[in-house]
């Protein structure tokens, strides 16, 4: 009797292997051959599931982003119906900071994608801008609620972008070893103090 294959599970195994390869060697290291060796499968299997290298790389990026989103969805749901805006923003930003080995690896992977988007090639800015753009309106809404405004102004929109960019900056200092995870959280709290 033929063995049933869970295709989504197989895709996750491949993108997980790709994440390890990219975290170690950057985006250029993620070839079909290196990822196949990391996953213990054939190159043809990766091609079967993803087709082109671009499709494969975009799927890996989206897998990292989806996992980051899952890290803050559950804590947000546990906050109840009317959470404090500061806690919403802090929960989201702390979920993506490289505070443990998995998030550290994911931050390295996302950094590799952003570097590739800046230098051109197979991955462009349009492939990597989505996560930040997703957070901007969420943070804008939370700032509006905190400031008890009927509608958002340009100030809330700009402050929301600064919060996201501040979180990215904190990520970078942790990745370079200039800050510990505890120091990163202290920086995050200081950032939030400035806006909330």
N, C-alpha and C. Protein backbone atom coordinates (compact mmCIF):
# COMPACT_ATOMS: atom_id res chain seq x y z
N UNK A 1 0.85 -1.19 0.00
CA UNK A 1 0.00 0.00 0.00
C UNK A 1 0.89 1.24 0.00
N UNK A 2 0.62 2.20 -0.90
CA UNK A 2 1.47 3.39 -0.96
C UNK A 2 1.34 4.24 0.30
N UNK A 3 2.45 4.87 0.66
CA UNK A 3 2.47 5.72 1.84
C UNK A 3 1.84 7.06 1.51
N UNK A 4 0.98 7.55 2.40
CA UNK A 4 0.36 8.87 2.20
C UNK A 4 1.34 9.94 2.65
N UNK A 5 1.45 10.99 1.86
CA UNK A 5 2.37 12.08 2.17
C UNK A 5 1.56 13.31 2.55
N UNK A 6 1.92 13.91 3.66
CA UNK A 6 1.33 15.17 4.07
C UNK A 6 2.13 16.27 3.36
N UNK A 7 1.54 16.82 2.30
CA UNK A 7 2.27 17.77 1.47
C UNK A 7 2.63 19.06 2.21
N UNK A 8 1.73 19.54 3.05
CA UNK A 8 2.04 20.75 3.81
C UNK A 8 3.17 20.50 4.79
N UNK A 9 3.17 19.34 5.42
CA UNK A 9 4.25 18.99 6.32
C UNK A 9 5.58 18.91 5.56
N UNK A 10 5.57 18.35 4.38
CA UNK A 10 6.79 18.25 3.58
C UNK A 10 7.28 19.65 3.19
N UNK A 11 6.37 20.52 2.81
CA UNK A 11 6.75 21.90 2.48
C UNK A 11 7.37 22.59 3.69
N UNK A 12 6.80 22.38 4.87
CA UNK A 12 7.35 22.96 6.11
C UNK A 12 8.75 22.42 6.38
N UNK A 13 8.94 21.13 6.18
CA UNK A 13 10.27 20.54 6.40
C UNK A 13 11.30 21.19 5.49
N UNK A 14 10.91 21.44 4.25
CA UNK A 14 11.84 22.04 3.29
C UNK A 14 12.13 23.48 3.66
N UNK A 15 11.11 24.27 3.99
CA UNK A 15 11.36 25.67 4.33
C UNK A 15 12.11 25.78 5.66
N UNK A 16 11.89 24.85 6.57
CA UNK A 16 12.65 24.84 7.83
C UNK A 16 14.12 24.57 7.57
N UNK A 17 14.41 23.64 6.69
CA UNK A 17 15.80 23.37 6.31
C UNK A 17 16.41 24.60 5.63
N UNK A 18 15.64 25.25 4.78
CA UNK A 18 16.13 26.46 4.10
C UNK A 18 16.45 27.55 5.12
N UNK A 19 15.63 27.69 6.14
CA UNK A 19 15.88 28.70 7.16
C UNK A 19 17.22 28.45 7.85
N UNK A 20 17.52 27.20 8.13
CA UNK A 20 18.80 26.89 8.78
C UNK A 20 19.97 27.23 7.86
N UNK A 21 19.83 26.90 6.58
CA UNK A 21 20.89 27.18 5.62
C UNK A 21 21.09 28.69 5.49
N UNK A 22 20.01 29.44 5.37
CA UNK A 22 20.10 30.89 5.21
C UNK A 22 20.68 31.54 6.47
N UNK A 23 20.28 31.08 7.64
CA UNK A 23 20.80 31.65 8.88
C UNK A 23 22.31 31.46 8.99
N UNK A 24 22.80 30.35 8.46
CA UNK A 24 24.25 30.07 8.52
C UNK A 24 25.03 30.80 7.45
N UNK A 25 24.47 30.90 6.24
CA UNK A 25 25.28 31.38 5.12
C UNK A 25 24.67 32.47 4.26
N UNK A 26 23.53 33.00 4.65
CA UNK A 26 22.89 34.03 3.84
C UNK A 26 22.04 33.44 2.72
N UNK A 27 21.38 34.33 2.02
CA UNK A 27 20.44 33.90 0.98
C UNK A 27 21.13 33.18 -0.17
N UNK A 28 22.34 33.59 -0.51
CA UNK A 28 23.06 32.94 -1.62
C UNK A 28 23.37 31.48 -1.31
N UNK A 29 23.45 31.14 -0.03
CA UNK A 29 23.75 29.75 0.34
C UNK A 29 22.56 28.82 0.11
N UNK A 30 21.37 29.38 -0.04
CA UNK A 30 20.16 28.56 -0.16
C UNK A 30 19.93 28.14 -1.61
N UNK A 31 20.67 27.15 -2.04
CA UNK A 31 20.45 26.56 -3.35
C UNK A 31 19.58 25.31 -3.18
N UNK A 32 19.05 24.82 -4.27
CA UNK A 32 18.30 23.56 -4.18
C UNK A 32 19.17 22.46 -3.58
N UNK A 33 20.44 22.45 -3.98
CA UNK A 33 21.34 21.39 -3.53
C UNK A 33 21.61 21.47 -2.02
N UNK A 34 21.92 22.68 -1.52
CA UNK A 34 22.26 22.80 -0.09
C UNK A 34 21.04 22.53 0.79
N UNK A 35 19.89 22.99 0.35
CA UNK A 35 18.68 22.77 1.15
C UNK A 35 18.27 21.31 1.09
N UNK A 36 18.41 20.69 -0.06
CA UNK A 36 18.10 19.26 -0.17
C UNK A 36 19.00 18.45 0.76
N UNK A 37 20.28 18.79 0.80
CA UNK A 37 21.21 18.09 1.70
C UNK A 37 20.83 18.33 3.16
N UNK A 38 20.46 19.56 3.49
CA UNK A 38 20.06 19.89 4.87
C UNK A 38 18.80 19.13 5.28
N UNK A 39 17.86 19.00 4.35
CA UNK A 39 16.59 18.33 4.65
C UNK A 39 16.67 16.82 4.50
N UNK A 40 17.75 16.33 3.87
CA UNK A 40 17.88 14.90 3.65
C UNK A 40 16.93 14.37 2.58
N UNK A 41 16.71 15.19 1.55
CA UNK A 41 15.80 14.81 0.46
C UNK A 41 16.49 15.09 -0.87
N UNK A 42 15.81 14.79 -1.96
CA UNK A 42 16.39 15.03 -3.28
C UNK A 42 16.07 16.45 -3.76
N UNK A 43 16.91 16.95 -4.64
CA UNK A 43 16.68 18.24 -5.28
C UNK A 43 15.35 18.22 -6.04
N UNK A 44 15.07 17.11 -6.68
CA UNK A 44 13.82 17.01 -7.46
C UNK A 44 12.59 17.18 -6.60
N UNK A 45 12.67 16.76 -5.35
CA UNK A 45 11.53 16.92 -4.46
C UNK A 45 11.28 18.40 -4.15
N UNK A 46 12.34 19.16 -3.94
CA UNK A 46 12.18 20.60 -3.72
C UNK A 46 11.58 21.25 -4.97
N UNK A 47 12.08 20.86 -6.13
CA UNK A 47 11.55 21.40 -7.37
C UNK A 47 10.08 21.02 -7.57
N UNK A 48 9.72 19.82 -7.15
CA UNK A 48 8.33 19.38 -7.25
C UNK A 48 7.42 20.27 -6.41
N UNK A 49 7.85 20.57 -5.19
CA UNK A 49 6.99 21.34 -4.29
C UNK A 49 7.02 22.84 -4.57
N UNK A 50 8.10 23.36 -5.10
CA UNK A 50 8.23 24.81 -5.22
C UNK A 50 8.47 25.31 -6.63
N UNK A 51 8.85 24.47 -7.55
CA UNK A 51 9.08 24.92 -8.92
C UNK A 51 10.38 25.68 -9.06
N UNK A 52 10.30 26.99 -9.06
CA UNK A 52 11.49 27.82 -9.28
C UNK A 52 12.18 28.17 -7.96
N UNK A 53 13.42 28.61 -8.08
CA UNK A 53 14.15 29.04 -6.89
C UNK A 53 13.46 30.24 -6.26
N UNK A 54 12.98 31.16 -7.07
CA UNK A 54 12.27 32.33 -6.53
C UNK A 54 11.06 31.90 -5.72
N UNK A 55 10.24 30.99 -6.25
CA UNK A 55 9.05 30.51 -5.52
C UNK A 55 9.45 29.87 -4.20
N UNK A 56 10.53 29.13 -4.24
CA UNK A 56 11.04 28.46 -3.06
C UNK A 56 11.50 29.48 -2.01
N UNK A 57 12.23 30.51 -2.44
CA UNK A 57 12.71 31.53 -1.51
C UNK A 57 11.57 32.36 -0.94
N UNK A 58 10.61 32.71 -1.77
CA UNK A 58 9.46 33.48 -1.27
C UNK A 58 8.66 32.65 -0.27
N UNK A 59 8.48 31.37 -0.54
CA UNK A 59 7.76 30.50 0.40
C UNK A 59 8.49 30.40 1.73
N UNK A 60 9.80 30.38 1.70
CA UNK A 60 10.57 30.32 2.94
C UNK A 60 10.41 31.62 3.72
N UNK A 61 10.48 32.75 3.05
CA UNK A 61 10.26 34.04 3.70
C UNK A 61 8.88 34.09 4.36
N UNK A 62 7.87 33.67 3.61
CA UNK A 62 6.50 33.70 4.14
C UNK A 62 6.33 32.75 5.32
N UNK A 63 7.06 31.65 5.33
CA UNK A 63 7.00 30.72 6.46
C UNK A 63 7.54 31.37 7.73
N UNK A 64 8.63 32.12 7.61
CA UNK A 64 9.20 32.82 8.76
C UNK A 64 8.21 33.86 9.27
N UNK A 65 7.64 34.62 8.36
CA UNK A 65 6.69 35.68 8.73
C UNK A 65 5.45 35.09 9.40
N UNK A 66 4.94 34.00 8.85
CA UNK A 66 3.74 33.36 9.42
C UNK A 66 4.02 32.87 10.84
N UNK A 67 5.19 32.30 11.05
CA UNK A 67 5.52 31.81 12.39
C UNK A 67 5.65 32.96 13.38
N UNK A 68 6.21 34.07 12.94
CA UNK A 68 6.31 35.25 13.80
C UNK A 68 4.91 35.74 14.18
N UNK A 69 4.01 35.75 13.23
CA UNK A 69 2.63 36.15 13.51
C UNK A 69 1.96 35.23 14.51
N UNK A 70 2.21 33.94 14.40
CA UNK A 70 1.63 32.99 15.34
C UNK A 70 2.14 33.21 16.75
N UNK A 71 3.39 33.71 16.88
CA UNK A 71 3.95 33.95 18.21
C UNK A 71 3.20 35.02 18.97
N UNK A 72 2.61 35.99 18.26
CA UNK A 72 1.88 37.01 19.01
C UNK A 72 0.36 36.86 18.96
N UNK A 73 -0.16 36.01 18.10
CA UNK A 73 -1.61 35.84 18.03
C UNK A 73 -2.20 35.27 19.32
N UNK A 74 -1.59 34.24 19.86
CA UNK A 74 -2.13 33.62 21.07
C UNK A 74 -2.06 34.56 22.27
N UNK A 75 -0.91 35.21 22.54
CA UNK A 75 -0.89 36.16 23.65
C UNK A 75 -1.89 37.30 23.48
N UNK A 76 -2.08 37.77 22.26
CA UNK A 76 -3.06 38.84 22.03
C UNK A 76 -4.48 38.35 22.33
N UNK A 77 -4.79 37.14 21.89
CA UNK A 77 -6.13 36.59 22.17
C UNK A 77 -6.37 36.43 23.66
N UNK A 78 -5.32 36.11 24.41
CA UNK A 78 -5.45 35.93 25.85
C UNK A 78 -5.66 37.24 26.60
N UNK A 79 -5.45 38.37 25.95
CA UNK A 79 -5.61 39.66 26.61
C UNK A 79 -7.06 40.06 26.81
N UNK A 80 -7.96 39.41 26.12
CA UNK A 80 -9.38 39.75 26.28
C UNK A 80 -9.85 40.76 25.26
N UNK A 81 -11.03 41.31 25.53
CA UNK A 81 -11.71 42.14 24.55
C UNK A 81 -11.16 43.57 24.45
N UNK A 82 -10.60 44.09 25.53
CA UNK A 82 -10.19 45.49 25.52
C UNK A 82 -8.78 45.65 26.10
N UNK A 83 -7.77 45.13 25.42
CA UNK A 83 -6.41 45.20 25.96
C UNK A 83 -5.84 46.62 25.89
N UNK A 84 -4.91 46.90 26.76
CA UNK A 84 -4.24 48.20 26.75
C UNK A 84 -3.39 48.31 25.49
N UNK A 85 -3.47 49.46 24.78
CA UNK A 85 -2.70 49.62 23.55
C UNK A 85 -1.21 49.36 23.72
N UNK A 86 -0.65 49.81 24.84
CA UNK A 86 0.79 49.58 25.05
C UNK A 86 1.10 48.09 25.09
N UNK A 87 0.26 47.30 25.75
CA UNK A 87 0.50 45.87 25.85
C UNK A 87 0.35 45.17 24.50
N UNK A 88 -0.57 45.65 23.68
CA UNK A 88 -0.73 45.08 22.34
C UNK A 88 0.55 45.29 21.53
N UNK A 89 1.02 46.53 21.52
CA UNK A 89 2.22 46.84 20.74
C UNK A 89 3.43 46.11 21.31
N UNK A 90 3.56 46.09 22.64
CA UNK A 90 4.71 45.41 23.26
C UNK A 90 4.69 43.91 22.95
N UNK A 91 3.52 43.31 23.00
CA UNK A 91 3.41 41.88 22.73
C UNK A 91 3.85 41.57 21.30
N UNK A 92 3.41 42.38 20.36
CA UNK A 92 3.77 42.14 18.96
C UNK A 92 5.27 42.33 18.75
N UNK A 93 5.82 43.44 19.23
CA UNK A 93 7.23 43.71 19.00
C UNK A 93 8.13 42.72 19.74
N UNK A 94 7.78 42.37 20.95
CA UNK A 94 8.63 41.43 21.69
C UNK A 94 8.58 40.03 21.07
N UNK A 95 7.47 39.71 20.39
CA UNK A 95 7.35 38.40 19.75
C UNK A 95 8.32 38.24 18.59
N UNK A 96 8.74 39.34 17.99
CA UNK A 96 9.63 39.24 16.84
C UNK A 96 11.08 39.60 17.17
N UNK A 97 11.34 40.06 18.38
CA UNK A 97 12.72 40.33 18.77
C UNK A 97 13.47 39.01 18.92
N UNK A 98 14.76 38.98 18.61
CA UNK A 98 15.54 37.73 18.68
C UNK A 98 15.94 37.40 20.12
N UNK A 99 14.96 37.00 20.92
CA UNK A 99 15.17 36.77 22.35
C UNK A 99 15.47 35.32 22.70
N UNK A 100 15.32 34.42 21.75
CA UNK A 100 15.64 33.01 21.97
C UNK A 100 16.25 32.46 20.68
N UNK A 101 16.80 31.25 20.71
CA UNK A 101 17.50 30.74 19.51
C UNK A 101 16.64 30.70 18.24
N UNK A 102 15.38 30.32 18.35
CA UNK A 102 14.55 30.26 17.14
C UNK A 102 14.29 31.64 16.57
N UNK A 103 13.96 32.59 17.43
CA UNK A 103 13.72 33.95 16.93
C UNK A 103 15.02 34.60 16.44
N UNK A 104 16.13 34.24 17.05
CA UNK A 104 17.42 34.74 16.58
C UNK A 104 17.69 34.24 15.16
N UNK A 105 17.45 32.95 14.94
CA UNK A 105 17.61 32.39 13.60
C UNK A 105 16.67 33.08 12.61
N UNK A 106 15.43 33.25 13.00
CA UNK A 106 14.46 33.90 12.11
C UNK A 106 14.87 35.33 11.78
N UNK A 107 15.40 36.06 12.77
CA UNK A 107 15.85 37.43 12.51
C UNK A 107 17.02 37.45 11.53
N UNK A 108 17.93 36.48 11.64
CA UNK A 108 19.03 36.38 10.68
C UNK A 108 18.49 36.11 9.28
N UNK A 109 17.51 35.24 9.19
CA UNK A 109 16.91 34.91 7.89
C UNK A 109 16.25 36.14 7.28
N UNK A 110 15.44 36.83 8.08
CA UNK A 110 14.77 38.03 7.56
C UNK A 110 15.79 39.09 7.16
N UNK A 111 16.85 39.21 7.95
CA UNK A 111 17.91 40.15 7.58
C UNK A 111 18.54 39.81 6.25
N UNK A 112 18.75 38.52 5.99
CA UNK A 112 19.30 38.09 4.71
C UNK A 112 18.37 38.46 3.56
N UNK A 113 17.08 38.32 3.77
CA UNK A 113 16.12 38.69 2.73
C UNK A 113 16.12 40.19 2.49
N UNK A 114 16.19 40.96 3.56
CA UNK A 114 16.20 42.42 3.39
C UNK A 114 17.46 42.88 2.67
N UNK A 115 18.60 42.27 3.02
CA UNK A 115 19.84 42.60 2.33
C UNK A 115 19.74 42.26 0.85
N UNK A 116 19.15 41.12 0.53
CA UNK A 116 18.98 40.73 -0.87
C UNK A 116 18.06 41.69 -1.61
N UNK A 117 17.02 42.16 -0.91
CA UNK A 117 16.09 43.10 -1.53
C UNK A 117 16.78 44.42 -1.85
N UNK A 118 17.74 44.81 -1.04
CA UNK A 118 18.46 46.06 -1.27
C UNK A 118 19.43 45.97 -2.44
N UNK A 119 19.99 44.81 -2.63
CA UNK A 119 21.00 44.67 -3.68
C UNK A 119 20.44 44.19 -5.00
N UNK A 120 19.16 43.86 -5.03
CA UNK A 120 18.53 43.43 -6.27
C UNK A 120 18.76 41.96 -6.52
N UNK A 121 18.16 41.47 -7.55
CA UNK A 121 18.29 40.06 -7.88
C UNK A 121 16.96 39.36 -7.79
N UNK A 122 17.00 38.13 -7.32
CA UNK A 122 15.82 37.28 -7.33
C UNK A 122 14.76 37.73 -6.33
N UNK A 123 15.17 38.38 -5.24
CA UNK A 123 14.25 38.89 -4.22
C UNK A 123 14.31 40.42 -4.27
N UNK A 124 13.15 41.04 -4.36
CA UNK A 124 13.09 42.50 -4.43
C UNK A 124 12.37 43.08 -3.23
N UNK A 125 12.37 44.40 -3.10
CA UNK A 125 11.69 45.05 -1.97
C UNK A 125 10.21 44.67 -1.86
N UNK A 126 9.57 44.46 -2.99
CA UNK A 126 8.14 44.10 -2.97
C UNK A 126 7.89 42.76 -2.28
N UNK A 127 8.91 41.94 -2.21
CA UNK A 127 8.78 40.63 -1.57
C UNK A 127 8.91 40.71 -0.05
N UNK A 128 9.55 41.76 0.46
CA UNK A 128 9.86 41.81 1.89
C UNK A 128 9.15 42.91 2.67
N UNK A 129 8.47 43.82 2.02
CA UNK A 129 7.88 44.97 2.71
C UNK A 129 6.56 44.61 3.41
N UNK A 130 5.94 43.52 3.05
CA UNK A 130 4.63 43.17 3.58
C UNK A 130 4.49 43.14 5.09
N UNK A 131 5.39 42.48 5.83
CA UNK A 131 5.22 42.41 7.29
C UNK A 131 5.18 43.77 7.96
N UNK A 132 6.06 44.68 7.57
CA UNK A 132 6.05 46.02 8.17
C UNK A 132 4.75 46.74 7.83
N UNK A 133 4.34 46.65 6.59
CA UNK A 133 3.09 47.31 6.19
C UNK A 133 1.88 46.72 6.91
N UNK A 134 1.95 45.47 7.27
CA UNK A 134 0.88 44.84 8.04
C UNK A 134 0.79 45.45 9.44
N UNK A 135 1.94 45.75 10.04
CA UNK A 135 1.95 46.28 11.40
C UNK A 135 1.59 47.76 11.48
N UNK A 136 1.87 48.53 10.46
CA UNK A 136 1.62 49.97 10.52
C UNK A 136 0.18 50.30 10.93
N UNK A 137 -0.84 49.77 10.26
CA UNK A 137 -2.21 50.14 10.65
C UNK A 137 -2.60 49.61 12.04
N UNK A 138 -2.06 48.46 12.42
CA UNK A 138 -2.37 47.93 13.76
C UNK A 138 -1.84 48.89 14.82
N UNK A 139 -0.60 49.32 14.66
CA UNK A 139 -0.01 50.24 15.64
C UNK A 139 -0.68 51.61 15.57
N UNK A 140 -1.04 52.07 14.38
CA UNK A 140 -1.75 53.35 14.25
C UNK A 140 -3.05 53.31 15.04
N UNK A 141 -3.80 52.23 14.90
CA UNK A 141 -5.06 52.07 15.63
C UNK A 141 -4.83 52.06 17.15
N UNK A 142 -3.80 51.37 17.59
CA UNK A 142 -3.52 51.30 19.03
C UNK A 142 -3.10 52.67 19.57
N UNK A 143 -2.34 53.42 18.81
CA UNK A 143 -1.96 54.77 19.23
C UNK A 143 -3.17 55.69 19.29
N UNK A 144 -4.07 55.54 18.32
CA UNK A 144 -5.30 56.34 18.33
C UNK A 144 -6.12 56.03 19.57
N UNK A 145 -6.25 54.75 19.91
CA UNK A 145 -6.99 54.37 21.11
C UNK A 145 -6.33 54.92 22.37
N UNK A 146 -5.02 54.81 22.43
CA UNK A 146 -4.29 55.30 23.60
C UNK A 146 -4.47 56.81 23.78
N UNK A 147 -4.46 57.51 22.67
CA UNK A 147 -4.56 58.97 22.71
C UNK A 147 -6.00 59.45 22.70
N UNK A 148 -6.91 58.51 22.69
CA UNK A 148 -8.36 58.79 22.74
C UNK A 148 -8.79 59.75 21.64
N UNK A 149 -8.41 59.41 20.43
CA UNK A 149 -8.76 60.20 19.27
C UNK A 149 -9.90 59.52 18.51
N UNK A 150 -10.76 60.33 17.91
CA UNK A 150 -11.86 59.78 17.12
C UNK A 150 -11.34 59.10 15.85
N UNK A 151 -10.32 59.70 15.26
CA UNK A 151 -9.73 59.10 14.06
C UNK A 151 -8.23 59.35 14.10
N UNK A 152 -7.52 58.60 13.30
CA UNK A 152 -6.07 58.72 13.28
C UNK A 152 -5.65 59.97 12.53
N UNK A 153 -4.54 60.52 12.96
CA UNK A 153 -3.94 61.65 12.26
C UNK A 153 -2.61 61.19 11.67
N UNK A 154 -1.97 62.09 10.96
CA UNK A 154 -0.66 61.77 10.41
C UNK A 154 0.33 61.44 11.52
N UNK A 155 0.17 62.09 12.69
CA UNK A 155 1.07 61.84 13.81
C UNK A 155 1.03 60.37 14.23
N UNK A 156 -0.15 59.80 14.34
CA UNK A 156 -0.25 58.39 14.74
C UNK A 156 0.33 57.48 13.66
N UNK A 157 0.09 57.82 12.41
CA UNK A 157 0.63 57.00 11.32
C UNK A 157 2.16 57.02 11.33
N UNK A 158 2.75 58.20 11.52
CA UNK A 158 4.20 58.31 11.56
C UNK A 158 4.78 57.65 12.81
N UNK A 159 4.11 57.82 13.94
CA UNK A 159 4.58 57.18 15.17
C UNK A 159 4.52 55.66 15.06
N UNK A 160 3.49 55.15 14.41
CA UNK A 160 3.39 53.70 14.21
C UNK A 160 4.56 53.19 13.39
N UNK A 161 4.91 53.93 12.35
CA UNK A 161 6.06 53.53 11.54
C UNK A 161 7.35 53.59 12.35
N UNK A 162 7.51 54.62 13.18
CA UNK A 162 8.70 54.73 14.01
C UNK A 162 8.80 53.58 15.01
N UNK A 163 7.66 53.14 15.54
CA UNK A 163 7.68 52.00 16.46
C UNK A 163 8.16 50.73 15.75
N UNK A 164 7.65 50.49 14.56
CA UNK A 164 8.08 49.31 13.81
C UNK A 164 9.57 49.40 13.48
N UNK A 165 9.99 50.56 13.02
CA UNK A 165 11.40 50.75 12.68
C UNK A 165 12.29 50.68 13.93
N UNK A 166 11.79 51.18 15.05
CA UNK A 166 12.53 51.06 16.31
C UNK A 166 12.71 49.60 16.70
N UNK A 167 11.67 48.81 16.52
CA UNK A 167 11.78 47.37 16.80
C UNK A 167 12.80 46.71 15.90
N UNK A 168 12.87 47.14 14.64
CA UNK A 168 13.88 46.61 13.72
C UNK A 168 15.28 46.98 14.18
N UNK A 169 15.44 48.20 14.66
CA UNK A 169 16.74 48.63 15.15
C UNK A 169 17.18 47.84 16.37
N UNK A 170 16.24 47.58 17.27
CA UNK A 170 16.56 46.78 18.46
C UNK A 170 16.98 45.38 18.04
N UNK A 171 16.29 44.83 17.06
CA UNK A 171 16.66 43.52 16.54
C UNK A 171 18.10 43.51 16.06
N UNK A 172 18.49 44.55 15.35
CA UNK A 172 19.85 44.60 14.80
C UNK A 172 20.91 44.63 15.89
N UNK A 173 20.66 45.37 16.99
CA UNK A 173 21.68 45.43 18.04
C UNK A 173 21.81 44.10 18.77
N UNK A 174 20.73 43.34 18.84
CA UNK A 174 20.82 42.00 19.44
C UNK A 174 21.59 41.07 18.50
N UNK A 175 21.29 41.12 17.21
CA UNK A 175 21.95 40.24 16.25
C UNK A 175 23.46 40.49 16.19
N UNK A 176 23.86 41.74 16.37
CA UNK A 176 25.29 42.05 16.32
C UNK A 176 25.98 41.82 17.66
N UNK A 177 25.22 41.44 18.67
CA UNK A 177 25.79 41.20 19.98
C UNK A 177 26.00 42.45 20.81
N UNK A 178 25.45 43.57 20.36
CA UNK A 178 25.59 44.83 21.08
C UNK A 178 24.60 44.96 22.23
N UNK A 179 23.61 44.08 22.29
CA UNK A 179 22.63 44.09 23.37
C UNK A 179 22.20 42.66 23.66
N UNK A 180 21.95 42.38 24.93
CA UNK A 180 21.43 41.08 25.34
C UNK A 180 19.92 41.09 25.17
N UNK A 181 19.28 39.94 25.25
CA UNK A 181 17.81 39.94 25.21
C UNK A 181 17.18 40.80 26.30
N UNK A 182 17.73 40.78 27.51
CA UNK A 182 17.18 41.63 28.58
C UNK A 182 17.34 43.11 28.25
N UNK A 183 18.49 43.45 27.70
CA UNK A 183 18.70 44.85 27.30
C UNK A 183 17.76 45.23 26.16
N UNK A 184 17.49 44.29 25.27
CA UNK A 184 16.56 44.55 24.17
C UNK A 184 15.17 44.87 24.70
N UNK A 185 14.72 44.12 25.70
CA UNK A 185 13.40 44.40 26.28
C UNK A 185 13.40 45.75 26.99
N UNK A 186 14.50 46.09 27.64
CA UNK A 186 14.58 47.40 28.29
C UNK A 186 14.52 48.52 27.24
N UNK A 187 15.21 48.32 26.12
CA UNK A 187 15.13 49.29 25.03
C UNK A 187 13.72 49.39 24.47
N UNK A 188 13.06 48.25 24.32
CA UNK A 188 11.69 48.25 23.82
C UNK A 188 10.78 49.02 24.77
N UNK A 189 10.92 48.78 26.07
CA UNK A 189 10.08 49.50 27.03
C UNK A 189 10.34 51.01 26.99
N UNK A 190 11.60 51.37 26.82
CA UNK A 190 11.95 52.80 26.72
C UNK A 190 11.34 53.39 25.46
N UNK A 191 11.38 52.67 24.36
CA UNK A 191 10.77 53.12 23.12
C UNK A 191 9.27 53.34 23.32
N UNK A 192 8.62 52.39 23.96
CA UNK A 192 7.18 52.52 24.19
C UNK A 192 6.88 53.67 25.13
N UNK A 193 7.74 53.91 26.12
CA UNK A 193 7.54 55.05 27.02
C UNK A 193 7.50 56.37 26.25
N UNK A 194 8.30 56.44 25.19
CA UNK A 194 8.36 57.69 24.43
C UNK A 194 7.07 57.97 23.64
N UNK A 195 6.36 56.91 23.27
CA UNK A 195 5.17 57.08 22.42
C UNK A 195 3.87 56.86 23.18
N UNK A 196 3.93 56.10 24.30
CA UNK A 196 2.70 55.79 25.03
C UNK A 196 2.88 56.20 26.48
